Amino acid sequence: MLPRYPRESLEAIREAKKSGYAIVAITDSVVSPVAELADVVLPAAVGTQLVFDLHTGPMAMAMVLLQAMCDAAPDLAQRRLEEFEQAAARRHLFMA
């Protein structure tokens, strides 16, 4: 969760927490609004020197985390990716 911290994201995280899910948050600061809800906070700075914030750091961290999850359970990851592709094709989500 990154600045400007969408209210809907916080509400979804609260619901996930109430449902018993562990929350791992990638956010720009250990004091962001999501930090108090998270079981694990992975801070990744947002660049603020341009007109629009740079989310390169948090996005790179998210990609590395996803890769590690896939590496830890490659068969499960492959099955879920294939299921997503089938659902996306049925729903015509993508142009190509």
PDB file of N, CA and C in Angstrom:
ATOM      1  N   MET A   1       0.848  -1.154   0.000  1.00  0.00           N
ATOM      2  CA  MET A   1       0.000   0.000   0.000  1.00  0.00           C
ATOM      3  C   MET A   1       0.901   1.227   0.000  1.00  0.00           C
ATOM      4  N   LEU A   2       0.647   2.087  -0.954  1.00  0.00           N
ATOM      5  CA  LEU A   2       1.512   3.255  -1.142  1.00  0.00           C
ATOM      6  C   LEU A   2       0.699   4.535  -1.026  1.00  0.00           C
ATOM      7  N   PRO A   3       1.403   5.660  -0.834  1.00  0.00           N
ATOM      8  CA  PRO A   3       0.677   6.924  -0.742  1.00  0.00           C
ATOM      9  C   PRO A   3      -0.207   7.091  -1.985  1.00  0.00           C
ATOM     10  N   ARG A   4      -1.281   7.424  -1.801  1.00  0.00           N
ATOM     11  CA  ARG A   4      -2.179   8.112  -0.941  1.00  0.00           C
ATOM     12  C   ARG A   4      -3.041   7.167  -0.122  1.00  0.00           C
ATOM     13  N   TYR A   5      -2.659   5.942   0.013  1.00  0.00           N
ATOM     14  CA  TYR A   5      -3.290   4.956   0.887  1.00  0.00           C
ATOM     15  C   TYR A   5      -4.808   4.875   0.668  1.00  0.00           C
ATOM     16  N   PRO A   6      -5.227   4.205  -0.381  1.00  0.00           N
ATOM     17  CA  PRO A   6      -6.667   4.122  -0.678  1.00  0.00           C
ATOM     18  C   PRO A   6      -7.470   3.507   0.474  1.00  0.00           C
ATOM     19  N   ARG A   7      -8.550   4.162   0.807  1.00  0.00           N
ATOM     20  CA  ARG A   7      -9.441   3.700   1.875  1.00  0.00           C
ATOM     21  C   ARG A   7      -9.928   2.275   1.603  1.00  0.00           C
ATOM     22  N   GLU A   8     -10.261   1.982   0.344  1.00  0.00           N
ATOM     23  CA  GLU A   8     -10.761   0.653  -0.006  1.00  0.00           C
ATOM     24  C   GLU A   8      -9.722  -0.429   0.272  1.00  0.00           C
ATOM     25  N   SER A   9      -8.463  -0.103   0.063  1.00  0.00           N
ATOM     26  CA  SER A   9      -7.403  -1.080   0.343  1.00  0.00           C
ATOM     27  C   SER A   9      -7.323  -1.380   1.830  1.00  0.00           C
ATOM     28  N   LEU A  10      -7.399  -0.339   2.645  1.00  0.00           N
ATOM     29  CA  LEU A  10      -7.382  -0.543   4.096  1.00  0.00           C
ATOM     30  C   LEU A  10      -8.583  -1.364   4.548  1.00  0.00           C
ATOM     31  N   GLU A  11      -9.753  -1.102   3.972  1.00  0.00           N
ATOM     32  CA  GLU A  11     -10.949  -1.864   4.327  1.00  0.00           C
ATOM     33  C   GLU A  11     -10.787  -3.331   3.940  1.00  0.00           C
ATOM     34  N   ALA A  12     -10.224  -3.591   2.766  1.00  0.00           N
ATOM     35  CA  ALA A  12     -10.003  -4.974   2.327  1.00  0.00           C
ATOM     36  C   ALA A  12      -9.021  -5.684   3.254  1.00  0.00           C
ATOM     37  N   ILE A  13      -7.988  -4.988   3.668  1.00  0.00           N
ATOM     38  CA  ILE A  13      -7.002  -5.577   4.580  1.00  0.00           C
ATOM     39  C   ILE A  13      -7.625  -5.860   5.938  1.00  0.00           C
ATOM     40  N   ARG A  14      -8.466  -4.955   6.412  1.00  0.00           N
ATOM     41  CA  ARG A  14      -9.162  -5.199   7.693  1.00  0.00           C
ATOM     42  C   ARG A  14     -10.039  -6.445   7.593  1.00  0.00           C
ATOM     43  N   GLU A  15     -10.746  -6.602   6.485  1.00  0.00           N
ATOM     44  CA  GLU A  15     -11.601  -7.774   6.289  1.00  0.00           C
ATOM     45  C   GLU A  15     -10.766  -9.056   6.214  1.00  0.00           C
ATOM     46  N   ALA A  16      -9.653  -8.998   5.512  1.00  0.00           N
ATOM     47  CA  ALA A  16      -8.770 -10.163   5.427  1.00  0.00           C
ATOM     48  C   ALA A  16      -8.249 -10.544   6.805  1.00  0.00           C
ATOM     49  N   LYS A  17      -7.880  -9.551   7.574  1.00  0.00           N
ATOM     50  CA  LYS A  17      -7.383  -9.785   8.934  1.00  0.00           C
ATOM     51  C   LYS A  17      -8.478 -10.421   9.791  1.00  0.00           C
ATOM     52  N   LYS A  18      -9.717  -9.896   9.700  1.00  0.00           N
ATOM     53  CA  LYS A  18     -10.835 -10.467  10.450  1.00  0.00           C
ATOM     54  C   LYS A  18     -11.120 -11.910  10.037  1.00  0.00           C
ATOM     55  N   SER A  19     -10.832 -12.232   8.781  1.00  0.00           N
ATOM     56  CA  SER A  19     -11.058 -13.591   8.270  1.00  0.00           C
ATOM     57  C   SER A  19      -9.930 -14.543   8.622  1.00  0.00           C
ATOM     58  N   GLY A  20      -8.916 -14.038   9.307  1.00  0.00           N
ATOM     59  CA  GLY A  20      -7.839 -14.894   9.774  1.00  0.00           C
ATOM     60  C   GLY A  20      -6.610 -14.948   8.888  1.00  0.00           C
ATOM     61  N   TYR A  21      -6.566 -14.139   7.852  1.00  0.00           N
ATOM     62  CA  TYR A  21      -5.401 -14.129   6.982  1.00  0.00           C
ATOM     63  C   TYR A  21      -4.243 -13.388   7.640  1.00  0.00           C
ATOM     64  N   ALA A  22      -3.038 -13.876   7.410  1.00  0.00           N
ATOM     65  CA  ALA A  22      -1.837 -13.147   7.811  1.00  0.00           C
ATOM     66  C   ALA A  22      -1.611 -12.048   6.775  1.00  0.00           C
ATOM     67  N   ILE A  23      -1.217 -10.884   7.236  1.00  0.00           N
ATOM     68  CA  ILE A  23      -1.045  -9.737   6.348  1.00  0.00           C
ATOM     69  C   ILE A  23       0.433  -9.385   6.241  1.00  0.00           C
ATOM     70  N   VAL A  24       0.948  -9.425   5.013  1.00  0.00           N
ATOM     71  CA  VAL A  24       2.294  -8.957   4.717  1.00  0.00           C
ATOM     72  C   VAL A  24       2.109  -7.722   3.842  1.00  0.00           C
ATOM     73  N   ALA A  25       2.616  -6.602   4.299  1.00  0.00           N
ATOM     74  CA  ALA A  25       2.396  -5.339   3.594  1.00  0.00           C
ATOM     75  C   ALA A  25       3.704  -4.791   3.043  1.00  0.00           C
ATOM     76  N   ILE A  26       3.689  -4.501   1.767  1.00  0.00           N
ATOM     77  CA  ILE A  26       4.762  -3.715   1.158  1.00  0.00           C
ATOM     78  C   ILE A  26       4.239  -2.288   1.143  1.00  0.00           C
ATOM     79  N   THR A  27       4.934  -1.396   1.828  1.00  0.00           N
ATOM     80  CA  THR A  27       4.485  -0.024   1.952  1.00  0.00           C
ATOM     81  C   THR A  27       5.704   0.890   2.032  1.00  0.00           C
ATOM     82  N   ASP A  28       5.466   2.175   1.913  1.00  0.00           N
ATOM     83  CA  ASP A  28       6.576   3.116   1.849  1.00  0.00           C
ATOM     84  C   ASP A  28       7.206   3.422   3.197  1.00  0.00           C
ATOM     85  N   SER A  29       6.528   3.091   4.294  1.00  0.00           N
ATOM     86  CA  SER A  29       7.041   3.476   5.605  1.00  0.00           C
ATOM     87  C   SER A  29       6.489   2.539   6.676  1.00  0.00           C
ATOM     88  N   VAL A  30       7.267   2.327   7.709  1.00  0.00           N
ATOM     89  CA  VAL A  30       6.797   1.478   8.816  1.00  0.00           C
ATOM     90  C   VAL A  30       5.698   2.170   9.623  1.00  0.00           C
ATOM     91  N   VAL A  31       5.437   3.430   9.343  1.00  0.00           N
ATOM     92  CA  VAL A  31       4.354   4.131  10.024  1.00  0.00           C
ATOM     93  C   VAL A  31       3.196   4.465   9.073  1.00  0.00           C
ATOM     94  N   SER A  32       3.121   3.797   7.934  1.00  0.00           N
ATOM     95  CA  SER A  32       1.997   4.014   7.028  1.00  0.00           C
ATOM     96  C   SER A  32       0.730   3.445   7.666  1.00  0.00           C
ATOM     97  N   PRO A  33      -0.436   3.815   7.191  1.00  0.00           N
ATOM     98  CA  PRO A  33      -1.681   3.338   7.791  1.00  0.00           C
ATOM     99  C   PRO A  33      -1.833   1.815   7.800  1.00  0.00           C
ATOM    100  N   VAL A  34      -1.226   1.136   6.859  1.00  0.00           N
ATOM    101  CA  VAL A  34      -1.358  -0.319   6.802  1.00  0.00           C
ATOM    102  C   VAL A  34      -0.448  -1.022   7.806  1.00  0.00           C
ATOM    103  N   ALA A  35       0.574  -0.353   8.276  1.00  0.00           N
ATOM    104  CA  ALA A  35       1.564  -0.989   9.149  1.00  0.00           C
ATOM    105  C   ALA A  35       0.943  -1.540  10.431  1.00  0.00           C
ATOM    106  N   GLU A  36      -0.010  -0.836  11.001  1.00  0.00           N
ATOM    107  CA  GLU A  36      -0.612  -1.311  12.251  1.00  0.00           C
ATOM    108  C   GLU A  36      -1.466  -2.561  12.043  1.00  0.00           C
ATOM    109  N   LEU A  37      -1.914  -2.814  10.824  1.00  0.00           N
ATOM    110  CA  LEU A  37      -2.725  -3.983  10.532  1.00  0.00           C
ATOM    111  C   LEU A  37      -1.893  -5.187  10.113  1.00  0.00           C
ATOM    112  N   ALA A  38      -0.671  -4.942   9.674  1.00  0.00           N
ATOM    113  CA  ALA A  38       0.149  -5.992   9.084  1.00  0.00           C
ATOM    114  C   ALA A  38       0.867  -6.831  10.132  1.00  0.00           C
ATOM    115  N   ASP A  39       1.011  -8.117   9.819  1.00  0.00           N
ATOM    116  CA  ASP A  39       1.830  -9.002  10.634  1.00  0.00           C
ATOM    117  C   ASP A  39       3.302  -8.801  10.305  1.00  0.00           C
ATOM    118  N   VAL A  40       3.573  -8.506   9.039  1.00  0.00           N
ATOM    119  CA  VAL A  40       4.933  -8.227   8.564  1.00  0.00           C
ATOM    120  C   VAL A  40       4.859  -6.996   7.678  1.00  0.00           C
ATOM    121  N   VAL A  41       5.759  -6.046   7.914  1.00  0.00           N
ATOM    122  CA  VAL A  41       5.836  -4.839   7.093  1.00  0.00           C
ATOM    123  C   VAL A  41       7.165  -4.859   6.354  1.00  0.00           C
ATOM    124  N   LEU A  42       7.093  -4.747   5.031  1.00  0.00           N
ATOM    125  CA  LEU A  42       8.290  -4.668   4.194  1.00  0.00           C
ATOM    126  C   LEU A  42       8.357  -3.253   3.629  1.00  0.00           C
ATOM    127  N   PRO A  43       9.148  -2.375   4.252  1.00  0.00           N
ATOM    128  CA  PRO A  43       9.202  -0.994   3.769  1.00  0.00           C
ATOM    129  C   PRO A  43      10.054  -0.874   2.506  1.00  0.00           C
ATOM    130  N   ALA A  44       9.536  -0.109   1.556  1.00  0.00           N
ATOM    131  CA  ALA A  44      10.253   0.169   0.316  1.00  0.00           C
ATOM    132  C   ALA A  44       9.963   1.621  -0.048  1.00  0.00           C
ATOM    133  N   ALA A  45      10.983   2.420  -0.080  1.00  0.00           N
ATOM    134  CA  ALA A  45      10.813   3.861  -0.283  1.00  0.00           C
ATOM    135  C   ALA A  45      10.195   4.179  -1.636  1.00  0.00           C
ATOM    136  N   VAL A  46       9.408   5.240  -1.625  1.00  0.00           N
ATOM    137  CA  VAL A  46       8.812   5.801  -2.834  1.00  0.00           C
ATOM    138  C   VAL A  46       9.599   7.053  -3.179  1.00  0.00           C
ATOM    139  N   GLY A  47       9.990   7.192  -4.440  1.00  0.00           N
ATOM    140  CA  GLY A  47      10.689   8.402  -4.871  1.00  0.00           C
ATOM    141  C   GLY A  47       9.707   9.560  -4.966  1.00  0.00           C
ATOM    142  N   THR A  48      10.075  10.700  -4.409  1.00  0.00           N
ATOM    143  CA  THR A  48       9.151  11.837  -4.367  1.00  0.00           C
ATOM    144  C   THR A  48       9.694  13.105  -5.012  1.00  0.00           C
ATOM    145  N   GLN A  49      10.807  13.012  -5.733  1.00  0.00           N
ATOM    146  CA  GLN A  49      11.388  14.217  -6.297  1.00  0.00           C
ATOM    147  C   GLN A  49      10.753  14.669  -7.614  1.00  0.00           C
ATOM    148  N   LEU A  50       9.944  13.830  -8.211  1.00  0.00           N
ATOM    149  CA  LEU A  50       9.284  14.199  -9.462  1.00  0.00           C
ATOM    150  C   LEU A  50       7.840  14.614  -9.178  1.00  0.00           C
ATOM    151  N   VAL A  51       7.161  15.113 -10.186  1.00  0.00           N
ATOM    152  CA  VAL A  51       5.761  15.512 -10.026  1.00  0.00           C
ATOM    153  C   VAL A  51       4.922  14.327  -9.558  1.00  0.00           C
ATOM    154  N   PHE A  52       5.177  13.140 -10.121  1.00  0.00           N
ATOM    155  CA  PHE A  52       4.470  11.924  -9.732  1.00  0.00           C
ATOM    156  C   PHE A  52       5.435  11.007  -9.005  1.00  0.00           C
ATOM    157  N   ASP A  53       4.970  10.402  -7.920  1.00  0.00           N
ATOM    158  CA  ASP A  53       5.827   9.511  -7.138  1.00  0.00           C
ATOM    159  C   ASP A  53       6.320   8.332  -7.978  1.00  0.00           C
ATOM    160  N   LEU A  54       7.547   7.904  -7.680  1.00  0.00           N
ATOM    161  CA  LEU A  54       8.128   6.724  -8.334  1.00  0.00           C
ATOM    162  C   LEU A  54       7.912   5.515  -7.435  1.00  0.00           C
ATOM    163  N   HIS A  55       7.257   4.513  -7.951  1.00  0.00           N
ATOM    164  CA  HIS A  55       6.972   3.296  -7.194  1.00  0.00           C
ATOM    165  C   HIS A  55       7.890   2.151  -7.601  1.00  0.00           C
ATOM    166  N   THR A  56       9.025   2.455  -8.162  1.00  0.00           N
ATOM    167  CA  THR A  56       9.952   1.446  -8.649  1.00  0.00           C
ATOM    168  C   THR A  56      10.430   0.520  -7.539  1.00  0.00           C
ATOM    169  N   GLY A  57      10.822   1.071  -6.398  1.00  0.00           N
ATOM    170  CA  GLY A  57      11.312   0.255  -5.277  1.00  0.00           C
ATOM    171  C   GLY A  57      10.266  -0.729  -4.776  1.00  0.00           C
ATOM    172  N   PRO A  58       9.053  -0.250  -4.438  1.00  0.00           N
ATOM    173  CA  PRO A  58       8.024  -1.172  -3.982  1.00  0.00           C
ATOM    174  C   PRO A  58       7.640  -2.215  -5.030  1.00  0.00           C
ATOM    175  N   MET A  59       7.605  -1.823  -6.298  1.00  0.00           N
ATOM    176  CA  MET A  59       7.246  -2.786  -7.349  1.00  0.00           C
ATOM    177  C   MET A  59       8.322  -3.855  -7.498  1.00  0.00           C
ATOM    178  N   ALA A  60       9.596  -3.464  -7.415  1.00  0.00           N
ATOM    179  CA  ALA A  60      10.678  -4.450  -7.498  1.00  0.00           C
ATOM    180  C   ALA A  60      10.589  -5.414  -6.314  1.00  0.00           C
ATOM    181  N   MET A  61      10.307  -4.885  -5.120  1.00  0.00           N
ATOM    182  CA  MET A  61      10.173  -5.759  -3.957  1.00  0.00           C
ATOM    183  C   MET A  61       9.009  -6.727  -4.138  1.00  0.00           C
ATOM    184  N   ALA A  62       7.896  -6.253  -4.666  1.00  0.00           N
ATOM    185  CA  ALA A  62       6.747  -7.123  -4.905  1.00  0.00           C
ATOM    186  C   ALA A  62       7.093  -8.237  -5.897  1.00  0.00           C
ATOM    187  N   MET A  63       7.822  -7.906  -6.950  1.00  0.00           N
ATOM    188  CA  MET A  63       8.194  -8.917  -7.945  1.00  0.00           C
ATOM    189  C   MET A  63       9.138  -9.961  -7.351  1.00  0.00           C
ATOM    190  N   VAL A  64      10.083  -9.533  -6.533  1.00  0.00           N
ATOM    191  CA  VAL A  64      11.007 -10.471  -5.881  1.00  0.00           C
ATOM    192  C   VAL A  64      10.250 -11.368  -4.911  1.00  0.00           C
ATOM    193  N   LEU A  65       9.311 -10.804  -4.159  1.00  0.00           N
ATOM    194  CA  LEU A  65       8.502 -11.591  -3.231  1.00  0.00           C
ATOM    195  C   LEU A  65       7.652 -12.618  -3.980  1.00  0.00           C
ATOM    196  N   LEU A  66       7.016 -12.209  -5.060  1.00  0.00           N
ATOM    197  CA  LEU A  66       6.232 -13.157  -5.867  1.00  0.00           C
ATOM    198  C   LEU A  66       7.106 -14.267  -6.441  1.00  0.00           C
ATOM    199  N   GLN A  67       8.287 -13.918  -6.911  1.00  0.00           N
ATOM    200  CA  GLN A  67       9.198 -14.932  -7.446  1.00  0.00           C
ATOM    201  C   GLN A  67       9.591 -15.928  -6.359  1.00  0.00           C
ATOM    202  N   ALA A  68       9.884 -15.426  -5.157  1.00  0.00           N
ATOM    203  CA  ALA A  68      10.254 -16.312  -4.044  1.00  0.00           C
ATOM    204  C   ALA A  68       9.098 -17.249  -3.693  1.00  0.00           C
ATOM    205  N   MET A  69       7.879 -16.734  -3.733  1.00  0.00           N
ATOM    206  CA  MET A  69       6.712 -17.587  -3.453  1.00  0.00           C
ATOM    207  C   MET A  69       6.579 -18.669  -4.519  1.00  0.00           C
ATOM    208  N   CYS A  70       6.789 -18.315  -5.764  1.00  0.00           N
ATOM    209  CA  CYS A  70       6.715 -19.301  -6.856  1.00  0.00           C
ATOM    210  C   CYS A  70       7.845 -20.318  -6.749  1.00  0.00           C
ATOM    211  N   ASP A  71       9.025 -19.862  -6.374  1.00  0.00           N
ATOM    212  CA  ASP A  71      10.157 -20.774  -6.211  1.00  0.00           C
ATOM    213  C   ASP A  71       9.927 -21.747  -5.061  1.00  0.00           C
ATOM    214  N   ALA A  72       9.229 -21.300  -4.017  1.00  0.00           N
ATOM    215  CA  ALA A  72       8.992 -22.143  -2.844  1.00  0.00           C
ATOM    216  C   ALA A  72       7.973 -23.240  -3.131  1.00  0.00           C
ATOM    217  N   ALA A  73       7.048 -22.992  -4.046  1.00  0.00           N
ATOM    218  CA  ALA A  73       6.018 -23.984  -4.373  1.00  0.00           C
ATOM    219  C   ALA A  73       5.742 -23.939  -5.872  1.00  0.00           C
ATOM    220  N   PRO A  74       6.703 -24.418  -6.672  1.00  0.00           N
ATOM    221  CA  PRO A  74       6.578 -24.254  -8.120  1.00  0.00           C
ATOM    222  C   PRO A  74       5.363 -24.959  -8.731  1.00  0.00           C
ATOM    223  N   ASP A  75       5.021 -26.138  -8.252  1.00  0.00           N
ATOM    224  CA  ASP A  75       3.874 -26.846  -8.829  1.00  0.00           C
ATOM    225  C   ASP A  75       2.568 -26.109  -8.552  1.00  0.00           C
ATOM    226  N   LEU A  76       2.418 -25.648  -7.320  1.00  0.00           N
ATOM    227  CA  LEU A  76       1.223 -24.884  -6.950  1.00  0.00           C
ATOM    228  C   LEU A  76       1.156 -23.580  -7.738  1.00  0.00           C
ATOM    229  N   ALA A  77       2.282 -22.905  -7.862  1.00  0.00           N
ATOM    230  CA  ALA A  77       2.324 -21.642  -8.608  1.00  0.00           C
ATOM    231  C   ALA A  77       1.937 -21.876 -10.066  1.00  0.00           C
ATOM    232  N   GLN A  78       2.470 -22.916 -10.671  1.00  0.00           N
ATOM    233  CA  GLN A  78       2.154 -23.216 -12.070  1.00  0.00           C
ATOM    234  C   GLN A  78       0.668 -23.514 -12.238  1.00  0.00           C
ATOM    235  N   ARG A  79       0.112 -24.321 -11.328  1.00  0.00           N
ATOM    236  CA  ARG A  79      -1.310 -24.663 -11.408  1.00  0.00           C
ATOM    237  C   ARG A  79      -2.179 -23.411 -11.276  1.00  0.00           C
ATOM    238  N   ARG A  80      -1.842 -22.535 -10.330  1.00  0.00           N
ATOM    239  CA  ARG A  80      -2.633 -21.321 -10.147  1.00  0.00           C
ATOM    240  C   ARG A  80      -2.514 -20.369 -11.331  1.00  0.00           C
ATOM    241  N   LEU A  81      -1.328 -20.276 -11.894  1.00  0.00           N
ATOM    242  CA  LEU A  81      -1.152 -19.432 -13.081  1.00  0.00           C
ATOM    243  C   LEU A  81      -1.964 -19.969 -14.255  1.00  0.00           C
ATOM    244  N   GLU A  82      -1.971 -21.281 -14.430  1.00  0.00           N
ATOM    245  CA  GLU A  82      -2.758 -21.878 -15.514  1.00  0.00           C
ATOM    246  C   GLU A  82      -4.253 -21.672 -15.281  1.00  0.00           C
ATOM    247  N   GLU A  83      -4.697 -21.801 -14.039  1.00  0.00           N
ATOM    248  CA  GLU A  83      -6.104 -21.551 -13.719  1.00  0.00           C
ATOM    249  C   GLU A  83      -6.479 -20.102 -14.014  1.00  0.00           C
ATOM    250  N   PHE A  84      -5.586 -19.179 -13.674  1.00  0.00           N
ATOM    251  CA  PHE A  84      -5.855 -17.777 -13.967  1.00  0.00           C
ATOM    252  C   PHE A  84      -5.960 -17.561 -15.476  1.00  0.00           C
ATOM    253  N   GLU A  85      -5.032 -18.127 -16.225  1.00  0.00           N
ATOM    254  CA  GLU A  85      -5.055 -17.954 -17.684  1.00  0.00           C
ATOM    255  C   GLU A  85      -6.347 -18.490 -18.290  1.00  0.00           C
ATOM    256  N   GLN A  86      -6.813 -19.621 -17.804  1.00  0.00           N
ATOM    257  CA  GLN A  86      -8.067 -20.194 -18.304  1.00  0.00           C
ATOM    258  C   GLN A  86      -9.251 -19.284 -17.968  1.00  0.00           C
ATOM    259  N   ALA A  87      -9.288 -18.779 -16.731  1.00  0.00           N
ATOM    260  CA  ALA A  87     -10.372 -17.879 -16.330  1.00  0.00           C
ATOM    261  C   ALA A  87     -10.320 -16.585 -17.137  1.00  0.00           C
ATOM    262  N   ALA A  88      -9.127 -16.058 -17.353  1.00  0.00           N
ATOM    263  CA  ALA A  88      -8.980 -14.826 -18.131  1.00  0.00           C
ATOM    264  C   ALA A  88      -9.445 -15.031 -19.566  1.00  0.00           C
ATOM    265  N   ALA A  89      -9.119 -16.185 -20.148  1.00  0.00           N
ATOM    266  CA  ALA A  89      -9.543 -16.472 -21.523  1.00  0.00           C
ATOM    267  C   ALA A  89     -11.072 -16.582 -21.598  1.00  0.00           C
ATOM    268  N   ARG A  90     -11.683 -17.254 -20.616  1.00  0.00           N
ATOM    269  CA  ARG A  90     -13.149 -17.381 -20.598  1.00  0.00           C
ATOM    270  C   ARG A  90     -13.822 -16.014 -20.504  1.00  0.00           C
ATOM    271  N   ARG A  91     -13.217 -15.113 -19.761  1.00  0.00           N
ATOM    272  CA  ARG A  91     -13.818 -13.804 -19.529  1.00  0.00           C
ATOM    273  C   ARG A  91     -13.340 -12.747 -20.521  1.00  0.00           C
ATOM    274  N   HIS A  92     -12.462 -13.134 -21.450  1.00  0.00           N
ATOM    275  CA  HIS A  92     -11.944 -12.221 -22.470  1.00  0.00           C
ATOM    276  C   HIS A  92     -11.335 -10.963 -21.839  1.00  0.00           C
ATOM    277  N   LEU A  93     -10.459 -11.179 -20.837  1.00  0.00           N
ATOM    278  CA  LEU A  93      -9.865 -10.045 -20.132  1.00  0.00           C
ATOM    279  C   LEU A  93      -8.812  -9.305 -20.941  1.00  0.00           C
ATOM    280  N   PHE A  94      -8.124 -10.017 -21.826  1.00  0.00           N
ATOM    281  CA  PHE A  94      -6.993  -9.411 -22.522  1.00  0.00           C
ATOM    282  C   PHE A  94      -7.222  -9.407 -24.016  1.00  0.00           C
ATOM    283  N   MET A  95      -6.614  -8.431 -24.683  1.00  0.00           N
ATOM    284  CA  MET A  95      -6.744  -8.299 -26.129  1.00  0.00           C
ATOM    285  C   MET A  95      -5.929  -9.338 -26.880  1.00  0.00           C
ATOM    286  N   ALA A  96      -4.788  -9.698 -26.338  1.00  0.00           N
ATOM    287  CA  ALA A  96      -3.933 -10.653 -27.067  1.00  0.00           C
ATOM    288  C   ALA A  96      -3.616 -11.841 -26.198  1.00  0.00           C
TER     289      ALA A  96
END
